[in-house]
Amino acid sequence: MADPSDLLIDRTLVLLRHSKAVPPETMPDLDRPLSDRGRADAAAAGRYLVAQGIEPNLVLCSPSTRTRETWEYAAEAGVIATDIWYDRRIYSAGTDELLDVLHDVPAEVRTVILVGHGPGVPWLADELTLDGTSPQRVELTKKYPTSGLAVLHHTTRWSDLAADDADLVDYVIPRG
């Protein structure tokens, strides 16, 4: 029997930028919670994921309060995850650091949701996607606001994921 890490299987990566947080001047950045709008938008993101039938095997989440709350409100909307990892590398990460996090995903995992921050999440979405001319890709490169999410499909092993390895399936900005 073939080792699952040797199989090129369809994989889904959802890149979710955290929802709207309270202003940064009110407390340390890492501790900022979601605003009322942010909680509503995070729940809307969760409803979108449920409607699309996206059930992650793994959620990779920054340890910041706003990213943790974004995932909590999405999960309360019905998204069911098999496992959740809070990874400090996601906080303030650029493209290379986010790829390092994804490279650590076990080979048998089929669907990952990464909950992170701008500009790292938008940059990663742009770098991973193949098609530079689709209307969704053009929109993604223009703006990737809070609660924005990109759904990507690829067949590359997580440990080998690199630029231009994924197809952009959807790009939405759920609002509550």
C-alpha atoms as a PDB file:
ATOM      1  CA  MET A   1       0.000   0.000   0.000  1.00  0.00           C
ATOM      2  CA  ALA A   2       1.304   3.466  -0.887  1.00  0.00           C
ATOM      3  CA  ASP A   3       2.234   5.872   1.870  1.00  0.00           C
ATOM      4  CA  PRO A   4      -0.352   8.733   1.930  1.00  0.00           C
ATOM      5  CA  SER A   5       2.491  11.265   1.780  1.00  0.00           C
ATOM      6  CA  ASP A   6       3.449   9.877  -1.628  1.00  0.00           C
ATOM      7  CA  LEU A   7      -0.014  10.363  -3.137  1.00  0.00           C
ATOM      8  CA  LEU A   8      -0.922  13.504  -5.005  1.00  0.00           C
ATOM      9  CA  ILE A   9      -4.406  14.047  -3.647  1.00  0.00           C
ATOM     10  CA  ASP A  10      -6.716  17.022  -3.897  1.00  0.00           C
ATOM     11  CA  ARG A  11      -6.131  19.407  -1.030  1.00  0.00           C
ATOM     12  CA  THR A  12      -7.971  22.570   0.022  1.00  0.00           C
ATOM     13  CA  LEU A  13      -6.437  25.584   1.713  1.00  0.00           C
ATOM     14  CA  VAL A  14      -8.616  28.378   3.036  1.00  0.00           C
ATOM     15  CA  LEU A  15      -6.783  31.610   3.850  1.00  0.00           C
ATOM     16  CA  LEU A  16      -8.932  33.640   6.253  1.00  0.00           C
ATOM     17  CA  ARG A  17      -7.878  37.091   7.366  1.00  0.00           C
ATOM     18  CA  HIS A  18      -9.125  37.813  10.898  1.00  0.00           C
ATOM     19  CA  SER A  19     -12.304  39.844  11.299  1.00  0.00           C
ATOM     20  CA  LYS A  20     -12.488  43.509  12.325  1.00  0.00           C
ATOM     21  CA  ALA A  21     -10.892  44.179  15.718  1.00  0.00           C
ATOM     22  CA  VAL A  22     -11.109  47.058  18.165  1.00  0.00           C
ATOM     23  CA  PRO A  23      -8.727  49.958  17.423  1.00  0.00           C
ATOM     24  CA  PRO A  24      -5.039  49.295  18.128  1.00  0.00           C
ATOM     25  CA  GLU A  25      -4.551  52.271  20.424  1.00  0.00           C
ATOM     26  CA  THR A  26      -6.773  50.763  23.135  1.00  0.00           C
ATOM     27  CA  MET A  27      -4.468  47.855  24.143  1.00  0.00           C
ATOM     28  CA  PRO A  28      -1.480  45.741  23.064  1.00  0.00           C
ATOM     29  CA  ASP A  29      -1.880  44.498  19.495  1.00  0.00           C
ATOM     30  CA  LEU A  30      -1.794  40.805  20.415  1.00  0.00           C
ATOM     31  CA  ASP A  31      -4.693  41.293  22.867  1.00  0.00           C
ATOM     32  CA  ARG A  32      -7.129  43.179  20.616  1.00  0.00           C
ATOM     33  CA  PRO A  33     -10.552  41.443  20.531  1.00  0.00           C
ATOM     34  CA  LEU A  34     -13.063  41.575  17.714  1.00  0.00           C
ATOM     35  CA  SER A  35     -15.422  44.502  17.412  1.00  0.00           C
ATOM     36  CA  ASP A  36     -19.184  43.952  17.176  1.00  0.00           C
ATOM     37  CA  ARG A  37     -18.894  44.051  13.379  1.00  0.00           C
ATOM     38  CA  GLY A  38     -15.967  41.634  13.537  1.00  0.00           C
ATOM     39  CA  ARG A  39     -17.971  39.073  15.500  1.00  0.00           C
ATOM     40  CA  ALA A  40     -20.826  39.296  12.978  1.00  0.00           C
ATOM     41  CA  ASP A  41     -18.420  39.008  10.026  1.00  0.00           C
ATOM     42  CA  ALA A  42     -16.599  36.015  11.561  1.00  0.00           C
ATOM     43  CA  ALA A  43     -19.941  34.244  11.966  1.00  0.00           C
ATOM     44  CA  ALA A  44     -20.742  35.094   8.325  1.00  0.00           C
ATOM     45  CA  ALA A  45     -17.412  33.548   7.289  1.00  0.00           C
ATOM     46  CA  GLY A  46     -18.373  30.416   9.205  1.00  0.00           C
ATOM     47  CA  ARG A  47     -21.765  30.268   7.482  1.00  0.00           C
ATOM     48  CA  TYR A  48     -20.032  30.607   4.096  1.00  0.00           C
ATOM     49  CA  LEU A  49     -17.673  27.717   4.912  1.00  0.00           C
ATOM     50  CA  VAL A  50     -20.599  25.540   6.030  1.00  0.00           C
ATOM     51  CA  ALA A  51     -22.570  26.407   2.875  1.00  0.00           C
ATOM     52  CA  GLN A  52     -19.580  25.389   0.757  1.00  0.00           C
ATOM     53  CA  GLY A  53     -19.184  22.110   2.637  1.00  0.00           C
ATOM     54  CA  ILE A  54     -15.679  22.992   3.805  1.00  0.00           C
ATOM     55  CA  GLU A  55     -14.781  20.883   6.843  1.00  0.00           C
ATOM     56  CA  PRO A  56     -11.152  21.373   7.849  1.00  0.00           C
ATOM     57  CA  ASN A  57      -9.033  18.552   9.161  1.00  0.00           C
ATOM     58  CA  LEU A  58      -6.805  21.233  10.627  1.00  0.00           C
ATOM     59  CA  VAL A  59      -7.111  24.897  11.550  1.00  0.00           C
ATOM     60  CA  LEU A  60      -3.861  26.831  11.840  1.00  0.00           C
ATOM     61  CA  CYS A  61      -4.480  29.976  13.849  1.00  0.00           C
ATOM     62  CA  SER A  62      -2.392  32.873  15.079  1.00  0.00           C
ATOM     63  CA  PRO A  63      -2.477  33.137  18.883  1.00  0.00           C
ATOM     64  CA  SER A  64      -3.746  36.729  18.818  1.00  0.00           C
ATOM     65  CA  THR A  65      -7.094  37.361  20.475  1.00  0.00           C
ATOM     66  CA  ARG A  66      -8.706  38.590  17.247  1.00  0.00           C
ATOM     67  CA  THR A  67      -7.684  35.523  15.214  1.00  0.00           C
ATOM     68  CA  ARG A  68      -8.725  33.119  17.965  1.00  0.00           C
ATOM     69  CA  GLU A  69     -12.097  34.880  18.223  1.00  0.00           C
ATOM     70  CA  THR A  70     -12.496  34.864  14.443  1.00  0.00           C
ATOM     71  CA  TRP A  71     -12.147  31.092  14.477  1.00  0.00           C
ATOM     72  CA  GLU A  72     -14.418  30.727  17.546  1.00  0.00           C
ATOM     73  CA  TYR A  73     -17.265  32.682  15.899  1.00  0.00           C
ATOM     74  CA  ALA A  74     -16.806  30.798  12.614  1.00  0.00           C
ATOM     75  CA  ALA A  75     -16.962  27.501  14.510  1.00  0.00           C
ATOM     76  CA  GLU A  76     -20.065  28.623  16.412  1.00  0.00           C
ATOM     77  CA  ALA A  77     -21.682  29.150  12.991  1.00  0.00           C
ATOM     78  CA  GLY A  78     -21.269  25.426  12.360  1.00  0.00           C
ATOM     79  CA  VAL A  79     -17.774  24.826  10.960  1.00  0.00           C
ATOM     80  CA  ILE A  80     -16.402  21.609  12.419  1.00  0.00           C
ATOM     81  CA  ALA A  81     -12.641  21.121  12.606  1.00  0.00           C
ATOM     82  CA  THR A  82     -10.854  17.903  13.480  1.00  0.00           C
ATOM     83  CA  ASP A  83      -7.856  19.691  15.037  1.00  0.00           C
ATOM     84  CA  ILE A  84      -6.733  23.257  15.840  1.00  0.00           C
ATOM     85  CA  TRP A  85      -3.138  24.403  16.185  1.00  0.00           C
ATOM     86  CA  TYR A  86      -2.321  27.849  17.553  1.00  0.00           C
ATOM     87  CA  ASP A  87       1.017  28.788  16.039  1.00  0.00           C
ATOM     88  CA  ARG A  88       2.925  31.903  17.069  1.00  0.00           C
ATOM     89  CA  ARG A  89       4.730  31.939  13.717  1.00  0.00           C
ATOM     90  CA  ILE A  90       1.505  33.083  12.036  1.00  0.00           C
ATOM     91  CA  TYR A  91       1.405  36.350  14.009  1.00  0.00           C
ATOM     92  CA  SER A  92       3.218  39.063  11.993  1.00  0.00           C
ATOM     93  CA  ALA A  93       4.217  36.454   9.398  1.00  0.00           C
ATOM     94  CA  GLY A  94       5.120  37.165   5.813  1.00  0.00           C
ATOM     95  CA  THR A  95       4.774  34.739   2.930  1.00  0.00           C
ATOM     96  CA  ASP A  96       7.876  32.684   3.735  1.00  0.00           C
ATOM     97  CA  GLU A  97       6.920  32.213   7.380  1.00  0.00           C
ATOM     98  CA  LEU A  98       3.368  31.202   6.470  1.00  0.00           C
ATOM     99  CA  LEU A  99       4.701  28.688   3.961  1.00  0.00           C
ATOM    100  CA  ASP A 100       6.947  27.269   6.709  1.00  0.00           C
ATOM    101  CA  VAL A 101       3.839  26.751   8.864  1.00  0.00           C
ATOM    102  CA  LEU A 102       2.021  25.026   5.989  1.00  0.00           C
ATOM    103  CA  HIS A 103       5.063  22.848   5.257  1.00  0.00           C
ATOM    104  CA  ASP A 104       4.605  21.325   8.737  1.00  0.00           C
ATOM    105  CA  VAL A 105       1.057  20.107   7.979  1.00  0.00           C
ATOM    106  CA  PRO A 106       0.888  16.300   8.009  1.00  0.00           C
ATOM    107  CA  ALA A 107       0.644  14.746   4.542  1.00  0.00           C
ATOM    108  CA  GLU A 108      -2.671  13.004   5.232  1.00  0.00           C
ATOM    109  CA  VAL A 109      -4.481  16.304   5.953  1.00  0.00           C
ATOM    110  CA  ARG A 110      -6.799  17.223   3.085  1.00  0.00           C
ATOM    111  CA  THR A 111      -8.296  20.561   4.193  1.00  0.00           C
ATOM    112  CA  VAL A 112      -6.602  23.367   6.126  1.00  0.00           C
ATOM    113  CA  ILE A 113      -7.946  26.727   7.237  1.00  0.00           C
ATOM    114  CA  LEU A 114      -5.250  29.252   8.113  1.00  0.00           C
ATOM    115  CA  VAL A 115      -6.523  32.183  10.209  1.00  0.00           C
ATOM    116  CA  GLY A 116      -4.020  35.007  10.140  1.00  0.00           C
ATOM    117  CA  HIS A 117      -3.284  38.637   9.520  1.00  0.00           C
ATOM    118  CA  GLY A 118      -2.671  41.146   6.761  1.00  0.00           C
ATOM    119  CA  PRO A 119      -0.508  41.613   4.885  1.00  0.00           C
ATOM    120  CA  GLY A 120       0.812  38.037   5.186  1.00  0.00           C
ATOM    121  CA  VAL A 121      -2.439  36.242   4.335  1.00  0.00           C
ATOM    122  CA  PRO A 122      -3.176  38.382   1.245  1.00  0.00           C
ATOM    123  CA  TRP A 123       0.425  38.064   0.064  1.00  0.00           C
ATOM    124  CA  LEU A 124       0.324  34.285   0.454  1.00  0.00           C
ATOM    125  CA  ALA A 125      -2.968  34.018  -1.447  1.00  0.00           C
ATOM    126  CA  ASP A 126      -1.463  36.045  -4.276  1.00  0.00           C
ATOM    127  CA  GLU A 127       1.760  34.040  -4.346  1.00  0.00           C
ATOM    128  CA  LEU A 128       0.143  30.609  -4.304  1.00  0.00           C
ATOM    129  CA  THR A 129      -2.488  31.197  -6.989  1.00  0.00           C
ATOM    130  CA  LEU A 130      -1.813  30.303 -10.604  1.00  0.00           C
ATOM    131  CA  ASP A 131      -4.243  32.383 -12.618  1.00  0.00           C
ATOM    132  CA  GLY A 132      -3.346  36.039 -12.691  1.00  0.00           C
ATOM    133  CA  THR A 133      -6.227  37.214 -14.868  1.00  0.00           C
ATOM    134  CA  SER A 134      -9.459  35.804 -13.400  1.00  0.00           C
ATOM    135  CA  PRO A 135     -11.805  38.474 -11.998  1.00  0.00           C
ATOM    136  CA  GLN A 136     -11.534  36.952  -8.515  1.00  0.00           C
ATOM    137  CA  ARG A 137      -7.732  36.958  -8.635  1.00  0.00           C
ATOM    138  CA  VAL A 138      -7.675  40.576  -9.784  1.00  0.00           C
ATOM    139  CA  GLU A 139     -10.054  41.494  -6.942  1.00  0.00           C
ATOM    140  CA  LEU A 140      -7.939  39.551  -4.442  1.00  0.00           C
ATOM    141  CA  THR A 141      -4.842  41.541  -5.409  1.00  0.00           C
ATOM    142  CA  LYS A 142      -6.699  44.873  -5.102  1.00  0.00           C
ATOM    143  CA  LYS A 143      -8.117  44.342  -1.625  1.00  0.00           C
ATOM    144  CA  TYR A 144      -8.179  41.625   1.013  1.00  0.00           C
ATOM    145  CA  PRO A 145      -9.968  43.248   3.940  1.00  0.00           C
ATOM    146  CA  THR A 146     -10.751  41.786   7.324  1.00  0.00           C
ATOM    147  CA  SER A 147     -12.833  38.601   7.051  1.00  0.00           C
ATOM    148  CA  GLY A 148     -11.665  38.148   3.462  1.00  0.00           C
ATOM    149  CA  LEU A 149     -11.093  34.542   2.564  1.00  0.00           C
ATOM    150  CA  ALA A 150      -9.621  32.699  -0.366  1.00  0.00           C
ATOM    151  CA  VAL A 151     -10.310  29.047  -1.140  1.00  0.00           C
ATOM    152  CA  LEU A 152      -7.440  27.354  -2.949  1.00  0.00           C
ATOM    153  CA  HIS A 153      -7.122  23.820  -4.351  1.00  0.00           C
ATOM    154  CA  HIS A 154      -3.837  22.065  -5.025  1.00  0.00           C
ATOM    155  CA  THR A 155      -2.394  18.573  -5.365  1.00  0.00           C
ATOM    156  CA  THR A 156       1.051  19.378  -4.001  1.00  0.00           C
ATOM    157  CA  ARG A 157       2.184  17.830  -0.723  1.00  0.00           C
ATOM    158  CA  TRP A 158       1.959  20.390   2.082  1.00  0.00           C
ATOM    159  CA  SER A 159       5.698  20.034   2.631  1.00  0.00           C
ATOM    160  CA  ASP A 160       6.339  21.033  -0.995  1.00  0.00           C
ATOM    161  CA  LEU A 161       3.754  23.809  -1.411  1.00  0.00           C
ATOM    162  CA  ALA A 162       5.259  26.790  -3.256  1.00  0.00           C
ATOM    163  CA  ALA A 163       4.389  29.756  -5.466  1.00  0.00           C
ATOM    164  CA  ASP A 164       1.925  29.110  -8.305  1.00  0.00           C
ATOM    165  CA  ASP A 165       0.944  25.656  -6.968  1.00  0.00           C
ATOM    166  CA  ALA A 166      -2.752  26.358  -6.329  1.00  0.00           C
ATOM    167  CA  ASP A 167      -5.938  27.236  -8.171  1.00  0.00           C
ATOM    168  CA  LEU A 168      -8.083  30.020  -6.776  1.00  0.00           C
ATOM    169  CA  VAL A 169     -11.529  28.463  -6.390  1.00  0.00           C
ATOM    170  CA  ASP A 170     -13.240  31.348  -4.603  1.00  0.00           C
ATOM    171  CA  TYR A 171     -12.521  34.695  -3.016  1.00  0.00           C
ATOM    172  CA  VAL A 172     -15.201  36.252  -0.822  1.00  0.00           C
ATOM    173  CA  ILE A 173     -15.598  38.907   1.836  1.00  0.00           C
ATOM    174  CA  PRO A 174     -18.361  37.613   4.114  1.00  0.00           C
ATOM    175  CA  ARG A 175     -20.289  40.260   6.027  1.00  0.00           C
ATOM    176  CA  GLY A 176     -22.650  39.682   8.931  1.00  0.00           C
END
